[in-house]
């Protein structure tokens, strides 16, 4: 890995939560010249969320037994990077990545990543989700607009903002370690 790429990884990984998984996630880190390094860091965060969020039983989400479904709505660099999660393990379950342009076609999603290309349909997308779905996006202000975890960039570092109230309403329990490295938004009740 070249020094420029290593420096960017360190700069983008916030709170130590992501760097270890990022390096494990990509055995040979992509070069900074590919332009997809930030998308890879966000995909590594999504993978980490499988370890730092507790879901209700899979049966309540409609998920198939033994399968952890990561759904991706829209197009872009992050959705493409999320494809690398397919086949990895989330606990004892195998991750399945499903991409589509219509959120209503996503039964059993544990994580739904909404790309910036799907921002126009965000209110309808969020309204149609049931309990047990962790919503994640890099749409600006996502956690303030009804999502649970949003990515933002601050001082050239990828950061996360979390809406714990919405997570609780969705039947999700967020790890204190995740909350420590997050910017908390929304009404904490």
N, C-alpha and C. Protein backbone atom coordinates (compact mmCIF):
# COMPACT_ATOMS: atom_id res chain seq x y z
N UNK A 1 0.87 -1.17 0.00
CA UNK A 1 0.00 0.00 0.00
C UNK A 1 0.91 1.22 0.00
N UNK A 2 0.64 2.20 -0.86
CA UNK A 2 1.48 3.37 -0.88
C UNK A 2 1.16 4.29 0.29
N UNK A 3 2.09 5.18 0.63
CA UNK A 3 1.94 6.05 1.81
C UNK A 3 0.77 7.02 1.64
N UNK A 4 0.53 7.48 0.42
CA UNK A 4 -0.57 8.41 0.18
C UNK A 4 -1.91 7.74 0.49
N UNK A 5 -2.10 6.50 0.03
CA UNK A 5 -3.34 5.77 0.30
C UNK A 5 -3.48 5.47 1.78
N UNK A 6 -2.39 5.09 2.44
CA UNK A 6 -2.44 4.80 3.87
C UNK A 6 -2.83 6.04 4.66
N UNK A 7 -2.31 7.19 4.28
CA UNK A 7 -2.67 8.44 4.96
C UNK A 7 -4.14 8.77 4.78
N UNK A 8 -4.66 8.55 3.60
CA UNK A 8 -6.08 8.81 3.37
C UNK A 8 -6.95 7.86 4.18
N UNK A 9 -6.56 6.60 4.27
CA UNK A 9 -7.32 5.64 5.08
C UNK A 9 -7.37 6.11 6.52
N UNK A 10 -6.21 6.48 7.07
CA UNK A 10 -6.17 6.95 8.45
C UNK A 10 -7.02 8.19 8.62
N UNK A 11 -7.01 9.07 7.65
CA UNK A 11 -7.79 10.30 7.73
C UNK A 11 -9.28 10.04 7.68
N UNK A 12 -9.69 9.06 6.88
CA UNK A 12 -11.12 8.81 6.73
C UNK A 12 -11.70 7.92 7.83
N UNK A 13 -10.88 7.09 8.42
CA UNK A 13 -11.40 6.17 9.44
C UNK A 13 -11.53 6.91 10.77
N UNK A 14 -12.74 7.02 11.27
CA UNK A 14 -13.01 7.76 12.51
C UNK A 14 -13.11 6.82 13.69
N UNK A 15 -12.51 7.22 14.80
CA UNK A 15 -12.69 6.54 16.06
C UNK A 15 -12.12 5.13 16.14
N UNK A 16 -11.34 4.69 15.17
CA UNK A 16 -10.76 3.38 15.23
C UNK A 16 -11.75 2.25 14.93
N UNK A 17 -13.01 2.56 14.82
CA UNK A 17 -14.04 1.56 14.58
C UNK A 17 -13.87 0.96 13.19
N UNK A 18 -13.46 1.75 12.24
CA UNK A 18 -13.48 1.31 10.86
C UNK A 18 -12.14 0.82 10.33
N UNK A 19 -11.04 1.36 10.80
CA UNK A 19 -9.75 1.08 10.18
C UNK A 19 -9.41 -0.40 10.19
N UNK A 20 -9.59 -1.07 11.31
CA UNK A 20 -9.25 -2.49 11.38
C UNK A 20 -10.08 -3.28 10.39
N UNK A 21 -11.39 -3.02 10.36
CA UNK A 21 -12.25 -3.75 9.43
C UNK A 21 -11.93 -3.39 8.00
N UNK A 22 -11.56 -2.15 7.76
CA UNK A 22 -11.24 -1.74 6.40
C UNK A 22 -10.04 -2.53 5.90
N UNK A 23 -9.02 -2.63 6.74
CA UNK A 23 -7.82 -3.33 6.31
C UNK A 23 -8.09 -4.83 6.14
N UNK A 24 -8.96 -5.39 6.97
CA UNK A 24 -9.32 -6.80 6.81
C UNK A 24 -10.23 -7.00 5.61
N UNK A 25 -11.05 -6.01 5.36
CA UNK A 25 -12.04 -6.04 4.29
C UNK A 25 -11.36 -6.01 2.93
N UNK A 26 -10.31 -5.20 2.81
CA UNK A 26 -9.56 -5.08 1.57
C UNK A 26 -8.13 -5.53 1.83
N UNK A 27 -7.79 -6.79 1.55
CA UNK A 27 -6.45 -7.27 1.83
C UNK A 27 -5.38 -6.40 1.17
N UNK A 28 -5.61 -5.93 -0.03
CA UNK A 28 -4.71 -5.00 -0.69
C UNK A 28 -5.53 -3.74 -0.91
N UNK A 29 -5.25 -2.73 -0.13
CA UNK A 29 -6.05 -1.51 -0.18
C UNK A 29 -5.97 -0.88 -1.56
N UNK A 30 -7.10 -0.37 -2.06
CA UNK A 30 -7.08 0.29 -3.36
C UNK A 30 -6.23 1.54 -3.30
N UNK A 31 -5.65 1.89 -4.42
CA UNK A 31 -4.82 3.09 -4.43
C UNK A 31 -5.69 4.32 -4.37
N UNK A 32 -5.13 5.39 -3.87
CA UNK A 32 -5.86 6.64 -3.76
C UNK A 32 -6.27 7.15 -5.13
N UNK A 33 -5.54 6.74 -6.15
CA UNK A 33 -5.84 7.21 -7.49
C UNK A 33 -7.14 6.62 -8.04
N UNK A 34 -7.65 5.55 -7.46
CA UNK A 34 -8.86 4.95 -8.00
C UNK A 34 -10.07 5.83 -7.75
N UNK A 35 -10.00 6.71 -6.76
CA UNK A 35 -11.13 7.59 -6.47
C UNK A 35 -12.23 6.89 -5.69
N UNK A 36 -12.09 5.61 -5.42
CA UNK A 36 -13.13 4.87 -4.71
C UNK A 36 -12.74 4.54 -3.27
N UNK A 37 -11.67 5.13 -2.79
CA UNK A 37 -11.22 4.84 -1.43
C UNK A 37 -12.27 5.24 -0.40
N UNK A 38 -12.87 6.41 -0.54
CA UNK A 38 -13.89 6.85 0.40
C UNK A 38 -15.09 5.89 0.37
N UNK A 39 -15.47 5.43 -0.79
CA UNK A 39 -16.58 4.48 -0.90
C UNK A 39 -16.22 3.17 -0.19
N UNK A 40 -14.98 2.74 -0.29
CA UNK A 40 -14.53 1.54 0.40
C UNK A 40 -14.58 1.70 1.91
N UNK A 41 -14.22 2.88 2.39
CA UNK A 41 -14.29 3.14 3.83
C UNK A 41 -15.74 3.08 4.30
N UNK A 42 -16.65 3.65 3.53
CA UNK A 42 -18.08 3.61 3.90
C UNK A 42 -18.60 2.18 3.89
N UNK A 43 -18.17 1.38 2.92
CA UNK A 43 -18.58 -0.03 2.88
C UNK A 43 -18.05 -0.77 4.10
N UNK A 44 -16.82 -0.45 4.52
CA UNK A 44 -16.26 -1.08 5.72
C UNK A 44 -17.06 -0.68 6.96
N UNK A 45 -17.49 0.55 7.02
CA UNK A 45 -18.37 0.98 8.13
C UNK A 45 -19.65 0.13 8.13
N UNK A 46 -20.25 -0.02 6.97
CA UNK A 46 -21.50 -0.80 6.89
C UNK A 46 -21.24 -2.21 7.40
N UNK A 47 -20.13 -2.80 7.03
CA UNK A 47 -19.78 -4.12 7.54
C UNK A 47 -19.66 -4.10 9.06
N UNK A 48 -19.02 -3.07 9.61
CA UNK A 48 -18.88 -2.94 11.06
C UNK A 48 -20.24 -2.82 11.75
N UNK A 49 -21.20 -2.19 11.09
CA UNK A 49 -22.52 -2.04 11.70
C UNK A 49 -23.14 -3.41 12.01
N UNK A 50 -22.77 -4.44 11.26
CA UNK A 50 -23.31 -5.78 11.54
C UNK A 50 -22.84 -6.28 12.90
N UNK A 51 -21.74 -5.73 13.40
CA UNK A 51 -21.19 -6.13 14.69
C UNK A 51 -21.60 -5.21 15.83
N UNK A 52 -22.01 -3.99 15.52
CA UNK A 52 -22.28 -3.00 16.56
C UNK A 52 -23.75 -2.62 16.68
N UNK A 53 -24.61 -3.38 16.01
CA UNK A 53 -26.05 -3.18 16.09
C UNK A 53 -26.68 -4.53 16.41
N UNK A 54 -27.64 -4.52 17.32
CA UNK A 54 -28.36 -5.75 17.67
C UNK A 54 -29.75 -5.66 17.07
N UNK A 55 -30.09 -6.65 16.23
CA UNK A 55 -31.38 -6.71 15.56
C UNK A 55 -32.35 -7.56 16.35
N UNK A 56 -33.64 -7.30 16.11
CA UNK A 56 -34.65 -8.23 16.61
C UNK A 56 -34.42 -9.56 15.92
N UNK A 57 -35.14 -10.57 16.30
CA UNK A 57 -34.95 -11.87 15.66
C UNK A 57 -35.16 -11.75 14.16
N UNK A 58 -34.40 -12.49 13.37
CA UNK A 58 -34.54 -12.42 11.92
C UNK A 58 -35.96 -12.67 11.43
N UNK A 59 -36.72 -13.50 12.14
CA UNK A 59 -38.09 -13.79 11.71
C UNK A 59 -38.95 -12.53 11.68
N UNK A 60 -38.66 -11.57 12.57
CA UNK A 60 -39.48 -10.36 12.60
C UNK A 60 -39.21 -9.44 11.42
N UNK A 61 -38.08 -9.64 10.75
CA UNK A 61 -37.76 -8.79 9.60
C UNK A 61 -38.11 -9.46 8.28
N UNK A 62 -38.50 -10.73 8.32
CA UNK A 62 -38.80 -11.45 7.09
C UNK A 62 -37.56 -12.01 6.43
N UNK A 63 -36.42 -11.96 7.11
CA UNK A 63 -35.17 -12.45 6.53
C UNK A 63 -35.14 -13.98 6.53
N UNK A 64 -34.49 -14.54 5.56
CA UNK A 64 -34.32 -15.99 5.48
C UNK A 64 -33.34 -16.43 6.57
N UNK A 65 -33.56 -17.61 7.16
CA UNK A 65 -32.64 -18.12 8.18
C UNK A 65 -31.23 -18.27 7.63
N UNK A 66 -30.23 -17.86 8.41
CA UNK A 66 -28.84 -17.99 8.01
C UNK A 66 -28.36 -16.95 7.02
N UNK A 67 -29.22 -16.00 6.65
CA UNK A 67 -28.86 -14.98 5.67
C UNK A 67 -29.00 -13.60 6.31
N UNK A 68 -28.00 -12.77 6.13
CA UNK A 68 -28.02 -11.38 6.59
C UNK A 68 -28.07 -10.53 5.33
N UNK A 69 -29.23 -9.92 5.07
CA UNK A 69 -29.41 -9.20 3.80
C UNK A 69 -29.07 -7.72 3.93
N UNK A 70 -28.14 -7.29 3.09
CA UNK A 70 -27.79 -5.88 2.94
C UNK A 70 -28.40 -5.44 1.62
N UNK A 71 -29.35 -4.52 1.70
CA UNK A 71 -30.01 -4.04 0.49
C UNK A 71 -29.42 -2.69 0.09
N UNK A 72 -29.35 -2.46 -1.21
CA UNK A 72 -28.76 -1.24 -1.73
C UNK A 72 -29.75 -0.63 -2.71
N UNK A 73 -30.12 0.61 -2.43
CA UNK A 73 -31.05 1.33 -3.28
C UNK A 73 -30.30 2.41 -4.04
N UNK A 74 -30.30 2.34 -5.37
CA UNK A 74 -29.66 3.35 -6.19
C UNK A 74 -28.31 2.93 -6.71
N UNK A 75 -27.62 3.88 -7.30
CA UNK A 75 -26.34 3.64 -7.96
C UNK A 75 -25.26 4.55 -7.38
N UNK A 76 -24.01 4.25 -7.71
CA UNK A 76 -22.90 5.09 -7.29
C UNK A 76 -21.73 4.26 -6.79
N UNK A 77 -20.70 4.97 -6.31
CA UNK A 77 -19.47 4.30 -5.86
C UNK A 77 -19.70 3.47 -4.60
N UNK A 78 -20.47 3.98 -3.64
CA UNK A 78 -20.70 3.22 -2.41
C UNK A 78 -21.50 1.96 -2.70
N UNK A 79 -22.62 2.03 -3.43
CA UNK A 79 -23.31 0.79 -3.76
C UNK A 79 -22.40 -0.23 -4.45
N UNK A 80 -21.53 0.22 -5.32
CA UNK A 80 -20.60 -0.70 -5.99
C UNK A 80 -19.64 -1.32 -4.97
N UNK A 81 -19.15 -0.53 -4.02
CA UNK A 81 -18.23 -1.03 -3.01
C UNK A 81 -18.92 -2.02 -2.07
N UNK A 82 -20.21 -1.83 -1.83
CA UNK A 82 -20.95 -2.74 -0.94
C UNK A 82 -21.06 -4.15 -1.51
N UNK A 83 -20.91 -4.31 -2.81
CA UNK A 83 -20.96 -5.63 -3.44
C UNK A 83 -19.91 -6.57 -2.84
N UNK A 84 -18.79 -5.99 -2.36
CA UNK A 84 -17.72 -6.81 -1.80
C UNK A 84 -18.11 -7.48 -0.48
N UNK A 85 -19.23 -7.07 0.12
CA UNK A 85 -19.69 -7.69 1.36
C UNK A 85 -20.30 -9.07 1.12
N UNK A 86 -20.78 -9.31 -0.08
CA UNK A 86 -21.45 -10.58 -0.39
C UNK A 86 -20.56 -11.77 -0.04
N UNK A 87 -21.13 -12.71 0.71
CA UNK A 87 -20.42 -13.91 1.09
C UNK A 87 -19.67 -13.80 2.40
N UNK A 88 -19.45 -12.58 2.89
CA UNK A 88 -18.79 -12.42 4.20
C UNK A 88 -19.76 -12.83 5.29
N UNK A 89 -19.27 -12.96 6.50
CA UNK A 89 -20.10 -13.38 7.63
C UNK A 89 -20.47 -12.18 8.50
N UNK A 90 -21.73 -12.18 8.94
CA UNK A 90 -22.22 -11.26 9.97
C UNK A 90 -22.65 -12.17 11.11
N UNK A 91 -21.77 -12.37 12.07
CA UNK A 91 -22.01 -13.38 13.09
C UNK A 91 -21.96 -14.74 12.41
N UNK A 92 -23.01 -15.53 12.59
CA UNK A 92 -23.07 -16.86 11.97
C UNK A 92 -23.77 -16.83 10.62
N UNK A 93 -24.24 -15.67 10.21
CA UNK A 93 -25.01 -15.57 8.97
C UNK A 93 -24.15 -15.08 7.81
N UNK A 94 -24.50 -15.53 6.62
CA UNK A 94 -23.80 -15.10 5.41
C UNK A 94 -24.48 -13.85 4.85
N UNK A 95 -23.66 -12.88 4.49
CA UNK A 95 -24.20 -11.63 3.95
C UNK A 95 -24.59 -11.83 2.49
N UNK A 96 -25.78 -11.39 2.18
CA UNK A 96 -26.29 -11.37 0.81
C UNK A 96 -26.54 -9.90 0.46
N UNK A 97 -26.02 -9.44 -0.66
CA UNK A 97 -26.22 -8.06 -1.09
C UNK A 97 -27.23 -8.05 -2.22
N UNK A 98 -28.29 -7.25 -2.06
CA UNK A 98 -29.35 -7.15 -3.05
C UNK A 98 -29.43 -5.69 -3.50
N UNK A 99 -29.33 -5.47 -4.81
CA UNK A 99 -29.43 -4.11 -5.36
C UNK A 99 -30.71 -3.97 -6.16
N UNK A 100 -31.33 -2.82 -6.00
CA UNK A 100 -32.55 -2.54 -6.77
C UNK A 100 -32.79 -1.04 -6.78
N UNK A 101 -33.71 -0.61 -7.61
CA UNK A 101 -34.07 0.81 -7.67
C UNK A 101 -35.44 1.09 -7.08
N UNK A 102 -36.04 0.09 -6.41
CA UNK A 102 -37.34 0.27 -5.79
C UNK A 102 -37.30 -0.38 -4.40
N UNK A 103 -37.39 0.44 -3.34
CA UNK A 103 -37.25 -0.06 -1.97
C UNK A 103 -38.35 -1.03 -1.59
N UNK A 104 -39.51 -0.97 -2.25
CA UNK A 104 -40.60 -1.87 -1.90
C UNK A 104 -40.28 -3.32 -2.28
N UNK A 105 -39.24 -3.52 -3.08
CA UNK A 105 -38.87 -4.87 -3.52
C UNK A 105 -37.80 -5.49 -2.63
N UNK A 106 -37.62 -4.96 -1.42
CA UNK A 106 -36.58 -5.43 -0.52
C UNK A 106 -37.17 -6.10 0.72
N UNK A 107 -37.67 -7.31 0.62
CA UNK A 107 -38.14 -7.99 1.84
C UNK A 107 -36.94 -8.50 2.63
N UNK A 108 -37.03 -8.41 3.93
CA UNK A 108 -36.01 -8.99 4.79
C UNK A 108 -34.70 -8.24 4.89
N UNK A 109 -34.68 -6.95 4.57
CA UNK A 109 -33.45 -6.17 4.69
C UNK A 109 -33.10 -5.95 6.15
N UNK A 110 -31.89 -6.25 6.52
CA UNK A 110 -31.41 -5.88 7.85
C UNK A 110 -30.76 -4.50 7.76
N UNK A 111 -30.01 -4.26 6.67
CA UNK A 111 -29.42 -2.94 6.42
C UNK A 111 -29.89 -2.51 5.05
N UNK A 112 -30.35 -1.27 4.96
CA UNK A 112 -30.70 -0.68 3.68
C UNK A 112 -29.82 0.54 3.48
N UNK A 113 -28.94 0.48 2.47
CA UNK A 113 -28.14 1.64 2.11
C UNK A 113 -28.86 2.38 1.00
N UNK A 114 -29.14 3.66 1.24
CA UNK A 114 -29.82 4.51 0.25
C UNK A 114 -28.77 5.43 -0.35
N UNK A 115 -28.50 5.26 -1.64
CA UNK A 115 -27.47 6.08 -2.28
C UNK A 115 -28.00 7.48 -2.58
N UNK A 116 -27.09 8.36 -2.85
CA UNK A 116 -27.47 9.75 -3.19
C UNK A 116 -28.36 9.80 -4.43
N UNK A 117 -28.20 8.82 -5.32
CA UNK A 117 -29.02 8.81 -6.54
C UNK A 117 -30.49 8.56 -6.24
N UNK A 118 -30.80 8.07 -5.03
CA UNK A 118 -32.18 7.79 -4.65
C UNK A 118 -32.73 8.82 -3.67
N UNK A 119 -32.07 9.96 -3.56
CA UNK A 119 -32.47 10.98 -2.58
C UNK A 119 -33.87 11.53 -2.82
N UNK A 120 -34.29 11.64 -4.06
CA UNK A 120 -35.62 12.19 -4.34
C UNK A 120 -36.74 11.36 -3.74
N UNK A 121 -36.55 10.05 -3.69
CA UNK A 121 -37.60 9.17 -3.18
C UNK A 121 -37.42 8.84 -1.70
N UNK A 122 -36.52 9.56 -1.01
CA UNK A 122 -36.21 9.24 0.39
C UNK A 122 -37.43 9.20 1.31
N UNK A 123 -38.31 10.20 1.32
CA UNK A 123 -39.46 10.13 2.24
C UNK A 123 -40.32 8.88 2.03
N UNK A 124 -40.60 8.54 0.78
CA UNK A 124 -41.40 7.34 0.50
C UNK A 124 -40.65 6.07 0.88
N UNK A 125 -39.35 6.05 0.63
CA UNK A 125 -38.54 4.88 0.96
C UNK A 125 -38.58 4.61 2.46
N UNK A 126 -38.34 5.66 3.25
CA UNK A 126 -38.30 5.49 4.70
C UNK A 126 -39.67 5.14 5.28
N UNK A 127 -40.71 5.68 4.67
CA UNK A 127 -42.08 5.44 5.14
C UNK A 127 -42.47 3.97 4.96
N UNK A 128 -41.97 3.34 3.92
CA UNK A 128 -42.38 1.99 3.59
C UNK A 128 -41.63 0.88 4.31
N UNK A 129 -40.65 1.22 5.14
CA UNK A 129 -39.85 0.20 5.81
C UNK A 129 -40.49 -0.27 7.10
N UNK A 130 -40.30 -1.53 7.40
CA UNK A 130 -40.81 -2.09 8.64
C UNK A 130 -39.74 -2.06 9.72
N UNK A 131 -40.09 -2.65 10.87
CA UNK A 131 -39.14 -2.74 11.97
C UNK A 131 -37.99 -3.67 11.59
N UNK A 132 -36.85 -3.42 12.21
CA UNK A 132 -35.72 -4.30 12.01
C UNK A 132 -34.81 -3.94 10.86
N UNK A 133 -35.02 -2.78 10.24
CA UNK A 133 -34.16 -2.36 9.14
C UNK A 133 -33.32 -1.17 9.56
N UNK A 134 -32.00 -1.33 9.50
CA UNK A 134 -31.07 -0.24 9.77
C UNK A 134 -30.88 0.52 8.48
N UNK A 135 -31.26 1.80 8.47
CA UNK A 135 -31.10 2.62 7.27
C UNK A 135 -29.79 3.40 7.38
N UNK A 136 -29.04 3.39 6.27
CA UNK A 136 -27.73 4.03 6.21
C UNK A 136 -27.64 4.77 4.89
N UNK A 137 -27.00 5.95 4.90
CA UNK A 137 -26.83 6.68 3.65
C UNK A 137 -25.74 7.74 3.78
N UNK A 138 -25.28 8.21 2.62
CA UNK A 138 -24.40 9.38 2.61
C UNK A 138 -25.12 10.59 2.01
N UNK A 139 -26.45 10.52 1.97
CA UNK A 139 -27.24 11.68 1.58
C UNK A 139 -27.05 12.73 2.68
N UNK A 140 -26.71 13.97 2.33
CA UNK A 140 -26.50 14.98 3.37
C UNK A 140 -27.71 15.12 4.31
N UNK A 141 -27.42 15.10 5.62
CA UNK A 141 -28.46 15.25 6.62
C UNK A 141 -29.37 14.05 6.78
N UNK A 142 -28.95 12.88 6.33
CA UNK A 142 -29.79 11.68 6.32
C UNK A 142 -30.39 11.36 7.69
N UNK A 143 -29.57 11.37 8.74
CA UNK A 143 -30.06 11.01 10.08
C UNK A 143 -31.00 12.07 10.64
N UNK A 144 -30.97 13.25 10.09
CA UNK A 144 -31.90 14.32 10.51
C UNK A 144 -33.19 14.27 9.68
N UNK A 145 -33.15 13.54 8.58
CA UNK A 145 -34.29 13.48 7.65
C UNK A 145 -35.07 12.17 7.75
N UNK A 146 -34.84 11.41 8.82
CA UNK A 146 -35.60 10.19 9.01
C UNK A 146 -34.82 8.91 8.90
N UNK A 147 -33.53 8.99 8.60
CA UNK A 147 -32.68 7.80 8.54
C UNK A 147 -32.03 7.55 9.89
N UNK A 148 -31.40 6.41 10.03
CA UNK A 148 -30.79 6.06 11.32
C UNK A 148 -29.30 6.42 11.37
N UNK A 149 -28.52 6.04 10.35
CA UNK A 149 -27.09 6.37 10.34
C UNK A 149 -26.76 7.07 9.03
N UNK A 150 -26.13 8.23 9.15
CA UNK A 150 -25.71 8.99 7.98
C UNK A 150 -24.21 9.23 7.99
N UNK A 151 -23.61 9.16 6.83
CA UNK A 151 -22.19 9.50 6.68
C UNK A 151 -22.07 10.97 6.35
N UNK A 152 -21.03 11.60 6.87
CA UNK A 152 -20.68 12.95 6.46
C UNK A 152 -19.17 13.08 6.54
N UNK A 153 -18.63 14.08 5.87
CA UNK A 153 -17.18 14.29 5.86
C UNK A 153 -16.88 15.55 6.65
N UNK A 154 -15.90 15.43 7.54
CA UNK A 154 -15.47 16.56 8.36
C UNK A 154 -13.95 16.49 8.46
N UNK A 155 -13.29 17.55 8.10
CA UNK A 155 -11.83 17.61 8.12
C UNK A 155 -11.22 16.42 7.36
N UNK A 156 -11.77 16.13 6.20
CA UNK A 156 -11.31 15.06 5.32
C UNK A 156 -11.43 13.68 5.93
N UNK A 157 -12.33 13.52 6.92
CA UNK A 157 -12.56 12.23 7.56
C UNK A 157 -14.03 11.86 7.41
N UNK A 158 -14.27 10.58 7.14
CA UNK A 158 -15.64 10.08 7.10
C UNK A 158 -16.09 9.93 8.54
N UNK A 159 -17.21 10.54 8.84
CA UNK A 159 -17.80 10.48 10.19
C UNK A 159 -19.21 9.92 10.06
N UNK A 160 -19.78 9.56 11.20
CA UNK A 160 -21.16 9.07 11.18
C UNK A 160 -21.99 9.86 12.18
N UNK A 161 -23.23 10.10 11.75
CA UNK A 161 -24.20 10.68 12.67
C UNK A 161 -25.32 9.66 12.82
N UNK A 162 -25.83 9.56 14.05
CA UNK A 162 -26.78 8.52 14.39
C UNK A 162 -28.01 9.13 15.05
N UNK A 163 -29.17 8.60 14.69
CA UNK A 163 -30.42 9.00 15.33
C UNK A 163 -30.88 7.82 16.19
N UNK A 164 -30.48 7.80 17.50
CA UNK A 164 -30.80 6.66 18.36
C UNK A 164 -32.30 6.45 18.59
N UNK A 165 -33.07 7.51 18.60
CA UNK A 165 -34.52 7.37 18.80
C UNK A 165 -35.13 6.56 17.67
N UNK A 166 -34.76 6.88 16.44
CA UNK A 166 -35.29 6.13 15.29
C UNK A 166 -34.79 4.70 15.29
N UNK A 167 -33.56 4.48 15.76
CA UNK A 167 -33.05 3.11 15.86
C UNK A 167 -33.91 2.31 16.84
N UNK A 168 -34.23 2.90 17.98
CA UNK A 168 -35.08 2.23 18.96
C UNK A 168 -36.47 1.93 18.41
N UNK A 169 -37.03 2.91 17.68
CA UNK A 169 -38.35 2.70 17.08
C UNK A 169 -38.34 1.58 16.05
N UNK A 170 -37.18 1.36 15.43
CA UNK A 170 -37.05 0.29 14.43
C UNK A 170 -36.73 -1.05 15.07
N UNK A 171 -36.60 -1.07 16.41
CA UNK A 171 -36.30 -2.32 17.09
C UNK A 171 -34.83 -2.68 17.06
N UNK A 172 -33.97 -1.68 16.97
CA UNK A 172 -32.53 -1.90 16.90
C UNK A 172 -31.86 -1.36 18.15
N UNK A 173 -30.89 -2.08 18.64
CA UNK A 173 -30.12 -1.63 19.79
C UNK A 173 -28.71 -1.31 19.32
N UNK A 174 -28.29 -0.05 19.50
CA UNK A 174 -26.98 0.39 19.05
C UNK A 174 -25.97 0.22 20.18
N UNK A 175 -24.82 -0.30 19.85
CA UNK A 175 -23.75 -0.51 20.82
C UNK A 175 -23.27 0.83 21.37
N UNK A 176 -22.96 0.90 22.66
CA UNK A 176 -22.36 2.12 23.22
C UNK A 176 -21.07 2.49 22.50
N UNK A 177 -20.32 1.50 22.02
CA UNK A 177 -19.08 1.80 21.28
C UNK A 177 -19.38 2.53 19.98
N UNK A 178 -20.47 2.15 19.31
CA UNK A 178 -20.87 2.84 18.09
C UNK A 178 -21.29 4.26 18.41
N UNK A 179 -22.06 4.43 19.47
CA UNK A 179 -22.53 5.76 19.85
C UNK A 179 -21.38 6.67 20.26
N UNK A 180 -20.32 6.12 20.87
CA UNK A 180 -19.17 6.92 21.29
C UNK A 180 -18.47 7.60 20.12
N UNK A 181 -18.44 6.96 18.97
CA UNK A 181 -17.72 7.52 17.82
C UNK A 181 -18.66 8.23 16.86
N UNK A 182 -19.91 8.44 17.29
CA UNK A 182 -20.93 9.04 16.42
C UNK A 182 -21.33 10.42 16.91
N UNK A 183 -21.80 11.21 15.98
CA UNK A 183 -22.46 12.46 16.32
C UNK A 183 -23.94 12.11 16.49
N UNK A 184 -24.51 12.41 17.65
CA UNK A 184 -25.89 12.06 17.95
C UNK A 184 -26.80 13.17 17.44
N UNK A 185 -27.83 12.80 16.68
CA UNK A 185 -28.79 13.77 16.17
C UNK A 185 -30.19 13.33 16.53
N UNK A 186 -31.14 14.23 16.41
CA UNK A 186 -32.53 13.91 16.68
C UNK A 186 -32.84 13.99 18.16
N UNK A 187 -34.09 13.79 18.47
CA UNK A 187 -34.58 13.80 19.85
C UNK A 187 -34.18 12.48 20.49
N UNK A 188 -33.36 12.48 21.56
CA UNK A 188 -32.86 11.24 22.12
C UNK A 188 -33.89 10.45 22.94
N UNK A 189 -35.11 10.94 23.08
CA UNK A 189 -36.11 10.22 23.89
C UNK A 189 -36.26 8.81 23.47
